Every structure is written in structure tokens, then in C-alpha cells.
């Protein structure tokens, strides 16, 4: 049983299981599935979706189930998408932060420029294809789907990394290039979510509250103990904070920061990101999914590895909450999302990667060919997790959102496309 669990979590198969279950459930019993997703857990005045929005989402009999009175409803859907997914984005944010902040970070210096420029192609290419095709399809279609422009910009970092290793082998330089590209894509995705998809009207005072909480926990739990330990070899204050207080100051600060994001109008799933920046971390990183990172004893890595398996379970429920769309929901948004991913991503990454490598003379990693950029683009077209998430916030619940989600689900087919292209082109696998 332990081996089975490790296999499921290692390959992020829990997310797939959740998504497939939702897909079948929604097509067999759509009403039962929909009411399960919007199950009200706690009508209250503090946390959850606005009461009127929940009533609209739940549909018939909503007011009989939860009579008017509370201003918010913590539903199962809100619990997973807006609260628990904050831990998923915190782990993604941790990898981005280390790549940018550490002296040996993978997104620092000249070696990161080609992947970063290629990433821009992987963002603008899908947007151009998505919006360009929408315009060709007519003004009515464009008006209905335009807000989903960011859906095909996403790359599922876990699945893309695993597919990349299977195609190129763990020792191929293209795998490291793909990881840099995916991390940069995640960073851009977090900015897009925060700037272009607020969850409500912006309330800057609450955002300042969240930032003040982050500064406060950094000063009290990180900076001040180190300051007091200057000149003391046994570092008593820092040791006490690490061994006795542990993660608790950051957990409390995280809850307050998350609440501030909810009230500020910034999507609350991003609410733990400011706290990630305040947690003590090692002066080096081995990269996401690296086994060597398990031996780092800094608090940030300890928290990440403690969260890894719980987050896999969260992704199971995320798939269950968001992938339940009827096959009849396929529409314009489905094909636009899919075209943006499987056409815009490969072409954008190929063009901008070539531009960086040759006209800009930044070069490619030794052992990597120009044609490998196209294969990487196909792999990066696996939007899945983040594409589903953006689809759920880009559109209100309804036919357009369901159609866009179907496109995000179909993007998993980019894995098969990647294997086919790699076979046709001829990739020499390097396992060490």
C-alpha cells in the first residue's frame, strides 16, 4: 500500500483521479455533482463566497438550504479553490522565490536569459492564438471568451517536468531548461492572477494589512532573533525560534495574510505568498522535486516537504471540484484554449528561444538542439492544473466556463503529442 501511495503522489496521479472522477460524475449525475461541489459547510459573516453569489452558483433550493442572513457561505468549492489551494501556490511560490533570491538561483544571471525569453514566447504565443482566433470567429464570440486569454498561458509544472524526464531522460540539458521555463511561467502566472483576476473590488487597506502581517512576522520571527544572536556562537534565539516556535508564527501570520487577501479583492489562493518570503531558508536549492532537498534543514524546506503529500490530496479534491463538466459543454472556448496551448505554446517558445539563442547570441545549453525547443513547447502545453484554476476565476459558472475547462482538460493530450513529436524528430535520451 505504501508503494502504491508513493507512486500516486510521485506522479501527481491523485489530481488525475480527481479530474476523471469529476468528469464521469458530472456526465452521469450533473445535478448531484453540482450540489456536492457547492455543499454549504458554514454560513457565516467572515469566510467564504458572497451569499448572493453562492445562491446563484448552487441554484434551485439554495435559500431553503441556507436561509438569508449570513453574508458569506463557506462551500466545499470555496474551501478547496480559495483556501486549500493557497498551499499549492505557496509551494510554487517557494520555488520561484529561491530561483530568484538565492545567489545560486536558477533564474539569476546570464544562464537564465534564454529560458526566460523563451517563456515570454510561451506566454504571448498562446494569447495571440487565443485572441486572434476569437476575433476571426466574430465579435460575439470574442466578447464572450476574451476574459479567458490567460488560460492557455499556464504550464502544469509537475506534469510537464515528469513528461520532460520521460522523453529526454533526467540527464538531458533540455530537462533543466524546461524546469527553468516552467518556474518562470509559474511566476508570470501568479502575477497575472493577482493583477488581472481579482476576486472582487480592490480594497487596498486590506492588502496593506496583509503586507504588514508579513513584515511583522519577518521582523519578530526571523530578523530579530538573528540580530540578537550576533556574536553568540550557540545562536540561542534563532535556535529557540526554530526548535520551539517552529512554523507556528508563520501559520498564524499566514491565516491573517490570507484573510487580508480575501478582503482586499486579490484572489485569496495567493494569500500565503507574502509569508513564504519571510520564512528562513537555506542559501542553496537543488530544484523542485530534487531528492537532495530533503536533507536541507532550513524551516522553509521542512515546511515544503511536510506539505508535499497533503498538497497532493488537495489536488485530488481540486480536480474533483473543477473538472466536472459535461461533454456537451464543448464550445468555442474549448477549441480556443486548446489551440492556444498546443499551437501557441510550441511556436512561441520555439521562436523566442531561437531569437534569444542566435540573433541575441545568448546560446542554448550545451547538448541541446534548436529543434528541442519545439518539443519543450509541446510539453509546456500541458496546462491542466493552473489552466483549470484560471478558467474557474476568468468566467462565471456557466457554459463558457465549462467549455474553457474542457479545453484545459484536453490539454493533457499535449503529453501524447510531445512523445509523438520527440519520436519523429529523434530525441536521444540521456538518463545521467
Protein backbone atom coordinates (compact mmCIF):
# COMPACT_ATOMS: atom_id res chain seq x y z
CA UNK A 1 0.00 0.00 0.00
CA UNK A 2 2.89 2.34 0.84
CA UNK A 3 4.41 1.74 -2.62
CA UNK A 4 1.07 2.49 -4.29
CA UNK A 5 0.71 5.76 -2.33
CA UNK A 6 4.26 6.83 -3.21
CA UNK A 7 3.63 6.08 -6.89
CA UNK A 8 0.38 8.08 -6.88
CA UNK A 9 1.97 11.11 -5.21
CA UNK A 10 5.26 10.93 -7.15
CA UNK A 11 3.45 11.21 -10.49
CA UNK A 12 0.65 13.54 -9.27
CA UNK A 13 -1.90 10.90 -10.23
CA UNK A 14 -4.28 11.92 -7.44
CA UNK A 15 -5.11 15.04 -9.44
CA UNK A 16 -5.85 12.91 -12.50
CA UNK A 17 -8.02 10.56 -10.42
CA UNK A 18 -9.99 13.52 -9.05
CA UNK A 19 -10.44 15.04 -12.51
CA UNK A 20 -11.54 11.77 -14.15
CA UNK A 21 -13.97 11.05 -11.28
CA UNK A 22 -15.47 14.53 -11.63
CA UNK A 23 -15.79 14.15 -15.39
CA UNK A 24 -17.70 10.87 -15.12
CA UNK A 25 -19.82 12.07 -12.18
CA UNK A 26 -20.84 15.30 -13.94
CA UNK A 27 -21.92 13.38 -17.03
CA UNK A 28 -23.81 10.65 -15.14
CA UNK A 29 -25.48 12.80 -12.44
CA UNK A 30 -24.89 16.51 -13.21
CA UNK A 31 -27.31 17.80 -10.57
CA UNK A 32 -25.88 15.60 -7.82
CA UNK A 33 -22.32 16.57 -8.74
CA UNK A 34 -23.10 20.29 -8.88
CA UNK A 35 -24.83 20.29 -5.49
CA UNK A 36 -21.95 18.30 -3.98
CA UNK A 37 -19.41 20.84 -5.21
CA UNK A 38 -21.39 23.77 -3.78
CA UNK A 39 -22.22 22.00 -0.48
CA UNK A 40 -22.52 24.73 2.20
CA UNK A 41 -20.20 23.93 5.09
CA UNK A 42 -20.52 27.09 7.17
CA UNK A 43 -22.86 30.06 6.60
CA UNK A 44 -21.13 32.98 8.34
CA UNK A 45 -20.02 36.60 8.04
CA UNK A 46 -16.25 36.06 7.81
CA UNK A 47 -15.04 33.49 5.29
CA UNK A 48 -16.42 32.21 2.01
CA UNK A 49 -18.18 33.26 -1.16
CA UNK A 50 -20.66 36.13 -1.00
CA UNK A 51 -24.08 34.78 -0.08
CA UNK A 52 -25.78 36.01 -3.28
CA UNK A 53 -23.02 34.53 -5.44
CA UNK A 54 -23.33 31.19 -3.65
CA UNK A 55 -27.12 31.19 -4.11
CA UNK A 56 -26.63 31.75 -7.84
CA UNK A 57 -23.97 29.02 -8.02
CA UNK A 58 -25.97 26.45 -6.04
CA UNK A 59 -29.17 27.14 -7.91
CA UNK A 60 -32.57 25.72 -7.04
CA UNK A 61 -33.41 25.31 -3.32
CA UNK A 62 -30.33 27.28 -2.22
CA UNK A 63 -32.30 29.66 0.01
CA UNK A 64 -34.20 26.77 1.55
CA UNK A 65 -30.89 25.12 2.44
CA UNK A 66 -29.29 28.32 3.76
CA UNK A 67 -31.92 30.99 4.58
CA UNK A 68 -30.92 34.66 4.03
CA UNK A 69 -28.99 36.19 6.89
CA UNK A 70 -25.28 35.35 6.60
CA UNK A 71 -23.20 37.47 4.23
CA UNK A 72 -20.87 34.60 3.26
CA UNK A 73 -21.06 30.87 2.71
CA UNK A 74 -18.02 28.62 3.09
CA UNK A 75 -18.83 25.99 0.49
CA UNK A 76 -16.80 22.91 -0.36
CA UNK A 77 -15.81 24.56 -3.65
CA UNK A 78 -14.59 27.72 -1.88
CA UNK A 79 -12.75 25.68 0.75
CA UNK A 80 -10.72 23.86 -1.91
CA UNK A 81 -10.22 26.56 -4.57
CA UNK A 82 -9.73 29.64 -2.42
CA UNK A 83 -8.37 28.31 0.87
CA UNK A 84 -6.62 24.95 0.46
CA UNK A 85 -5.12 25.77 -2.95
CA UNK A 86 -3.20 28.54 -1.18
CA UNK A 87 -0.82 25.78 -0.01
CA UNK A 88 -0.26 24.65 -3.61
CA UNK A 89 0.57 28.20 -4.71
CA UNK A 90 2.79 28.61 -1.65
CA UNK A 91 4.95 25.67 -2.79
CA UNK A 92 5.09 27.07 -6.32
CA UNK A 93 5.98 30.47 -4.86
CA UNK A 94 8.75 28.91 -2.78
CA UNK A 95 10.43 27.52 -5.89
CA UNK A 96 10.13 30.84 -7.71
CA UNK A 97 11.47 32.74 -4.70
CA UNK A 98 14.53 30.50 -4.34
CA UNK A 99 15.22 30.67 -8.08
CA UNK A 100 15.20 34.48 -7.92
CA UNK A 101 16.67 35.24 -4.49
CA UNK A 102 19.46 32.74 -3.87
CA UNK A 103 22.93 33.51 -5.19
CA UNK A 104 22.89 30.14 -6.97
CA UNK A 105 19.26 30.58 -8.04
CA UNK A 106 18.38 29.19 -11.44
CA UNK A 107 16.69 32.41 -12.59
CA UNK A 108 19.69 34.63 -11.85
CA UNK A 109 22.39 35.67 -14.24
CA UNK A 110 23.00 35.15 -17.93
CA UNK A 111 22.27 31.40 -17.92
CA UNK A 112 18.59 32.11 -17.20
CA UNK A 113 18.08 34.62 -20.01
CA UNK A 114 17.32 32.17 -22.83
CA UNK A 115 14.71 30.21 -20.81
CA UNK A 116 13.19 33.49 -19.61
CA UNK A 117 12.91 34.88 -23.13
CA UNK A 118 11.52 31.53 -24.33
CA UNK A 119 8.96 31.76 -21.52
CA UNK A 120 7.76 35.09 -22.89
CA UNK A 121 7.07 33.28 -26.17
CA UNK A 122 5.18 30.65 -24.22
CA UNK A 123 3.00 33.42 -22.78
CA UNK A 124 2.44 35.74 -25.75
CA UNK A 125 2.12 32.97 -28.35
CA UNK A 126 -0.95 31.38 -26.69
CA UNK A 127 -2.51 34.80 -26.06
CA UNK A 128 -2.08 35.77 -29.72
CA UNK A 129 -3.56 32.48 -30.97
CA UNK A 130 -6.44 32.56 -28.47
CA UNK A 131 -7.49 36.17 -29.09
CA UNK A 132 -6.66 36.07 -32.82
CA UNK A 133 -8.88 33.06 -33.45
CA UNK A 134 -11.60 34.56 -31.26
CA UNK A 135 -11.58 37.69 -33.42
CA UNK A 136 -11.83 35.59 -36.58
CA UNK A 137 -14.83 33.77 -35.08
CA UNK A 138 -16.71 37.06 -34.72
CA UNK A 139 -17.37 39.88 -32.28
CA UNK A 140 -19.97 37.95 -30.29
CA UNK A 141 -17.58 35.06 -29.68
CA UNK A 142 -14.75 37.46 -28.88
CA UNK A 143 -16.85 39.32 -26.30
CA UNK A 144 -17.90 36.05 -24.65
CA UNK A 145 -14.44 34.49 -24.36
CA UNK A 146 -11.96 37.40 -24.29
CA UNK A 147 -11.54 37.34 -20.50
CA UNK A 148 -10.09 33.84 -20.74
CA UNK A 149 -6.97 34.98 -22.59
CA UNK A 150 -4.70 33.88 -19.72
CA UNK A 151 -5.98 30.28 -19.56
CA UNK A 152 -3.63 28.92 -22.29
CA UNK A 153 -0.60 30.74 -20.87
CA UNK A 154 -0.34 28.26 -17.99
CA UNK A 155 2.04 25.30 -17.72
CA UNK A 156 1.44 22.47 -15.26
CA UNK A 157 4.91 22.35 -13.71
CA UNK A 158 4.57 18.88 -12.16
CA UNK A 159 3.25 17.04 -15.21
CA UNK A 160 5.44 18.90 -17.68
CA UNK A 161 8.56 18.10 -15.65
CA UNK A 162 7.65 14.40 -15.43
CA UNK A 163 6.91 14.17 -19.17
CA UNK A 164 10.14 16.01 -19.93
CA UNK A 165 12.14 13.48 -17.90
CA UNK A 166 10.42 10.56 -19.66
CA UNK A 167 11.18 12.00 -23.12
CA UNK A 168 14.68 13.43 -22.67
CA UNK A 169 15.97 11.49 -19.66
CA UNK A 170 16.98 13.02 -16.33
CA UNK A 171 20.46 13.97 -17.55
CA UNK A 172 19.48 15.91 -20.68
CA UNK A 173 20.06 19.70 -20.56
CA UNK A 174 16.58 20.22 -22.06
CA UNK A 175 15.05 18.99 -18.78
CA UNK A 176 16.79 21.72 -16.79
CA UNK A 177 15.79 24.25 -19.47
CA UNK A 178 12.16 23.06 -19.16
CA UNK A 179 12.27 23.40 -15.37
CA UNK A 180 13.54 26.99 -15.62
CA UNK A 181 10.85 27.75 -18.18
CA UNK A 182 8.10 26.22 -16.01
CA UNK A 183 9.23 28.09 -12.88
CA UNK A 184 9.31 31.39 -14.80
CA UNK A 185 5.87 30.55 -16.23
CA UNK A 186 4.57 29.97 -12.69
CA UNK A 187 5.94 33.35 -11.60
CA UNK A 188 4.21 35.10 -14.51
CA UNK A 189 1.01 33.16 -13.80
CA UNK A 190 0.96 34.33 -10.18
CA UNK A 191 1.32 37.94 -11.32
CA UNK A 192 -1.46 37.52 -13.90
CA UNK A 193 -3.81 36.06 -11.28
CA UNK A 194 -3.13 38.89 -8.86
CA UNK A 195 -3.36 41.73 -11.38
CA UNK A 196 -5.96 40.65 -13.93
CA UNK A 197 -8.27 38.35 -11.97
CA UNK A 198 -9.12 39.98 -8.64
CA UNK A 199 -11.86 38.20 -6.71
CA UNK A 200 -13.78 41.41 -6.06
CA UNK A 201 -13.46 45.17 -5.80
CA UNK A 202 -9.97 46.09 -4.67
CA UNK A 203 -9.63 47.27 -1.07
CA UNK A 204 -6.01 48.44 -0.72
CA UNK A 205 -6.28 48.84 3.08
CA UNK A 206 -6.69 45.07 3.49
CA UNK A 207 -3.77 44.43 1.14
CA UNK A 208 -1.65 46.74 3.29
CA UNK A 209 -2.82 44.74 6.31
CA UNK A 210 -1.54 41.52 4.71
CA UNK A 211 1.80 43.14 3.88
CA UNK A 212 2.08 44.49 7.44
CA UNK A 213 1.48 40.97 8.80
CA UNK A 214 4.24 39.62 6.53
CA UNK A 215 6.68 42.33 7.61
CA UNK A 216 5.75 41.79 11.26
CA UNK A 217 6.38 38.03 11.24
CA UNK A 218 9.63 38.53 9.33
CA UNK A 219 10.91 41.02 11.90
CA UNK A 220 9.77 39.15 15.01
CA UNK A 221 10.42 35.54 13.98
CA UNK A 222 13.31 35.87 11.53
CA UNK A 223 15.27 39.13 11.58
CA UNK A 224 15.15 39.94 15.32
CA UNK A 225 16.40 36.52 16.57
CA UNK A 226 19.32 36.68 14.14
CA UNK A 227 20.03 40.23 15.23
CA UNK A 228 20.07 39.23 18.90
CA UNK A 229 22.34 36.27 18.12
CA UNK A 230 25.13 38.39 16.68
CA UNK A 231 28.42 37.41 18.33
CA UNK A 232 26.91 34.31 20.01
CA UNK A 233 28.13 31.02 18.57
CA UNK A 234 25.29 28.94 20.04
CA UNK A 235 22.66 31.27 18.48
CA UNK A 236 20.15 30.79 21.33
CA UNK A 237 17.34 32.97 19.96
CA UNK A 238 17.37 31.59 16.43
CA UNK A 239 17.62 28.04 17.81
CA UNK A 240 14.63 28.63 20.11
CA UNK A 241 12.57 30.05 17.26
CA UNK A 242 13.43 27.07 15.05
CA UNK A 243 13.01 24.29 17.64
CA UNK A 244 10.27 25.64 19.91
CA UNK A 245 8.20 28.08 17.87
CA UNK A 246 8.77 26.25 14.58
CA UNK A 247 6.22 27.00 11.90
CA UNK A 248 3.53 28.36 14.27
CA UNK A 249 4.33 32.09 13.91
CA UNK A 250 4.18 31.69 10.12
CA UNK A 251 0.98 29.64 10.24
CA UNK A 252 -0.75 32.33 12.33
CA UNK A 253 0.62 35.07 10.07
CA UNK A 254 -0.44 33.03 7.03
CA UNK A 255 -4.04 32.83 8.27
CA UNK A 256 -4.14 36.60 8.83
CA UNK A 257 -2.46 37.32 5.48
CA UNK A 258 -4.88 35.01 3.68
CA UNK A 259 -7.84 36.78 5.28
CA UNK A 260 -6.42 40.14 4.22
CA UNK A 261 -6.18 38.91 0.62
CA UNK A 262 -9.78 37.67 0.74
CA UNK A 263 -10.99 41.07 1.90
CA UNK A 264 -8.66 43.04 -0.40
CA UNK A 265 -10.09 41.62 -3.63
CA UNK A 266 -6.87 39.83 -4.61
CA UNK A 267 -7.58 36.14 -5.13
CA UNK A 268 -7.16 34.53 -1.66
CA UNK A 269 -5.43 31.44 -3.12
CA UNK A 270 -2.38 33.73 -3.40
CA UNK A 271 -2.67 34.76 0.23
CA UNK A 272 0.31 32.80 1.58
CA UNK A 273 2.84 34.14 -0.93
CA UNK A 274 3.97 37.15 1.17
CA UNK A 275 4.59 34.80 4.12
CA UNK A 276 6.75 32.44 2.02
CA UNK A 277 9.21 35.32 1.53
CA UNK A 278 9.62 35.75 5.30
CA UNK A 279 10.48 32.14 6.28
CA UNK A 280 14.16 31.32 6.95
CA UNK A 281 15.63 29.42 4.01
CA UNK A 282 18.89 27.76 3.02
CA UNK A 283 21.49 29.59 0.95
CA UNK A 284 21.15 26.99 -1.80
CA UNK A 285 18.45 24.99 -3.56
CA UNK A 286 18.64 21.82 -5.61
CA UNK A 287 15.45 22.45 -7.59
CA UNK A 288 11.86 21.31 -7.40
CA UNK A 289 11.35 17.55 -6.80
CA UNK A 290 15.09 17.11 -6.09
CA UNK A 291 15.61 14.33 -3.53
CA UNK A 292 18.66 16.16 -2.15
CA UNK A 293 16.42 18.96 -0.84
CA UNK A 294 15.04 16.56 1.76
CA UNK A 295 18.39 16.85 3.55
CA UNK A 296 18.20 20.63 3.89
CA UNK A 297 17.13 21.51 7.43
CA UNK A 298 16.05 25.13 6.98
CA UNK A 299 12.47 25.87 8.02
CA UNK A 300 11.23 26.71 4.51
CA UNK A 301 12.33 23.35 3.11
CA UNK A 302 10.98 21.48 6.14
CA UNK A 303 7.59 23.13 5.63
CA UNK A 304 7.60 22.39 1.90
CA UNK A 305 8.36 18.70 2.36
CA UNK A 306 5.80 18.42 5.16
CA UNK A 307 3.21 19.90 2.79
CA UNK A 308 4.05 17.82 -0.29
CA UNK A 309 1.73 14.89 0.35
CA UNK A 310 -1.12 16.95 1.89
CA UNK A 311 -0.98 19.17 -1.22
CA UNK A 312 -1.29 16.09 -3.43
CA UNK A 313 -4.52 15.27 -1.56
CA UNK A 314 -5.64 18.87 -2.03
CA UNK A 315 -5.02 18.47 -5.77
CA UNK A 316 -7.23 15.37 -5.73
CA UNK A 317 -10.08 17.49 -4.40
CA UNK A 318 -9.18 20.35 -6.74
CA UNK A 319 -9.63 18.02 -9.70
CA UNK A 320 -12.87 16.75 -8.19
CA UNK A 321 -14.22 20.27 -7.65
CA UNK A 322 -13.25 21.75 -11.03
CA UNK A 323 -13.11 19.09 -13.73
CA UNK A 324 -16.78 18.10 -13.60
CA UNK A 325 -18.02 19.39 -16.93
CA UNK A 326 -20.43 17.79 -19.35
CA UNK A 327 -19.09 16.60 -22.68
CA UNK A 328 -21.89 18.62 -24.22
CA UNK A 329 -20.23 21.74 -22.77
CA UNK A 330 -17.60 21.76 -25.51
CA UNK A 331 -17.76 25.04 -27.36
CA UNK A 332 -15.72 27.87 -28.80
CA UNK A 333 -13.74 28.38 -25.60
CA UNK A 334 -12.70 24.70 -25.63
CA UNK A 335 -11.01 24.94 -29.01
CA UNK A 336 -9.56 28.38 -28.33
CA UNK A 337 -7.89 27.21 -25.09
CA UNK A 338 -6.64 24.07 -26.78
CA UNK A 339 -5.33 25.95 -29.82
CA UNK A 340 -3.61 28.50 -27.58
CA UNK A 341 -1.84 25.70 -25.73
CA UNK A 342 -0.94 23.19 -28.45
CA UNK A 343 -0.27 25.73 -31.22
CA UNK A 344 0.67 28.98 -29.47
CA UNK A 345 2.94 27.45 -26.83
CA UNK A 346 5.25 25.39 -29.09
CA UNK A 347 5.53 28.09 -31.76
CA UNK A 348 6.01 30.88 -29.23
CA UNK A 349 8.70 29.02 -27.29
CA UNK A 350 10.46 27.92 -30.49
CA UNK A 351 10.52 31.43 -31.97
CA UNK A 352 11.54 33.34 -28.83
CA UNK A 353 14.02 30.64 -27.79
CA UNK A 354 15.62 30.77 -31.25
CA UNK A 355 15.65 34.58 -31.11
CA UNK A 356 17.44 34.52 -27.75
CA UNK A 357 19.89 31.79 -28.73
CA UNK A 358 21.06 33.12 -32.12
CA UNK A 359 20.19 36.73 -33.07
CA UNK A 360 20.64 37.78 -29.42
CA UNK A 361 23.66 35.44 -29.09
CA UNK A 362 22.68 34.09 -25.68
CA UNK A 363 23.03 30.50 -26.85
CA UNK A 364 21.46 27.22 -25.76
CA UNK A 365 22.78 24.84 -23.08
CA UNK A 366 25.49 22.53 -24.39
CA UNK A 367 23.96 19.36 -25.82
CA UNK A 368 20.60 20.97 -26.59
CA UNK A 369 19.40 21.47 -30.17
CA UNK A 370 17.17 24.20 -31.58
CA UNK A 371 14.55 21.61 -32.50
CA UNK A 372 14.38 20.59 -28.82
CA UNK A 373 12.72 23.96 -28.16
CA UNK A 374 9.69 22.84 -30.16
CA UNK A 375 9.42 19.61 -28.16
CA UNK A 376 9.69 21.62 -24.94
CA UNK A 377 6.90 23.85 -26.22
CA UNK A 378 4.68 20.80 -26.76
CA UNK A 379 5.43 19.59 -23.22
CA UNK A 380 4.76 23.06 -21.77
CA UNK A 381 1.35 22.96 -23.48
CA UNK A 382 0.12 20.72 -20.65
CA UNK A 383 -1.87 23.44 -18.88
CA UNK A 384 -4.11 21.21 -16.75
CA UNK A 385 -3.95 22.32 -13.07
CA UNK A 386 -3.25 26.04 -13.45
CA UNK A 387 -5.34 26.33 -16.63
CA UNK A 388 -8.30 24.82 -14.78
CA UNK A 389 -7.76 27.25 -11.93
CA UNK A 390 -7.60 30.31 -14.19
CA UNK A 391 -10.71 29.12 -16.07
CA UNK A 392 -12.60 28.94 -12.78
CA UNK A 393 -11.79 32.60 -11.99
CA UNK A 394 -11.85 34.03 -15.53
CA UNK A 395 -15.52 33.19 -16.14
CA UNK A 396 -18.62 32.97 -14.01
CA UNK A 397 -20.09 29.50 -13.60
CA UNK A 398 -21.90 28.56 -16.79
CA UNK A 399 -21.42 27.28 -20.34
CA UNK A 400 -18.37 29.40 -21.22
CA UNK A 401 -16.51 28.41 -18.05
CA UNK A 402 -17.36 24.73 -18.64
CA UNK A 403 -16.17 24.93 -22.24
CA UNK A 404 -12.89 26.58 -21.17
CA UNK A 405 -12.36 23.92 -18.51
CA UNK A 406 -12.85 21.23 -21.12
CA UNK A 407 -10.05 22.81 -23.15
CA UNK A 408 -7.80 22.77 -20.05
CA UNK A 409 -8.61 19.08 -19.51
CA UNK A 410 -7.93 18.22 -23.15
CA UNK A 411 -4.52 19.90 -22.85
CA UNK A 412 -3.34 16.76 -21.09
CA UNK A 413 -3.27 15.30 -24.60
CA UNK A 414 -0.21 17.50 -25.21
CA UNK A 415 1.75 14.80 -23.38
CA UNK A 416 0.92 12.30 -26.14
CA UNK A 417 1.71 14.95 -28.76
CA UNK A 418 5.11 15.53 -27.10
CA UNK A 419 6.03 11.83 -27.27
CA UNK A 420 4.97 11.68 -30.93
CA UNK A 421 6.97 14.77 -31.93
CA UNK A 422 10.01 13.54 -29.98
CA UNK A 423 9.85 10.21 -31.78
CA UNK A 424 9.53 11.83 -35.22
CA UNK A 425 12.35 14.30 -34.58
CA UNK A 426 14.54 11.72 -32.87
CA UNK A 427 15.48 12.54 -29.30
CA UNK A 428 18.49 10.82 -27.75
CA UNK A 429 17.52 10.07 -24.18
CA UNK A 430 20.16 10.89 -21.54
CA UNK A 431 19.49 9.26 -18.17
CA UNK A 432 22.61 10.54 -16.47
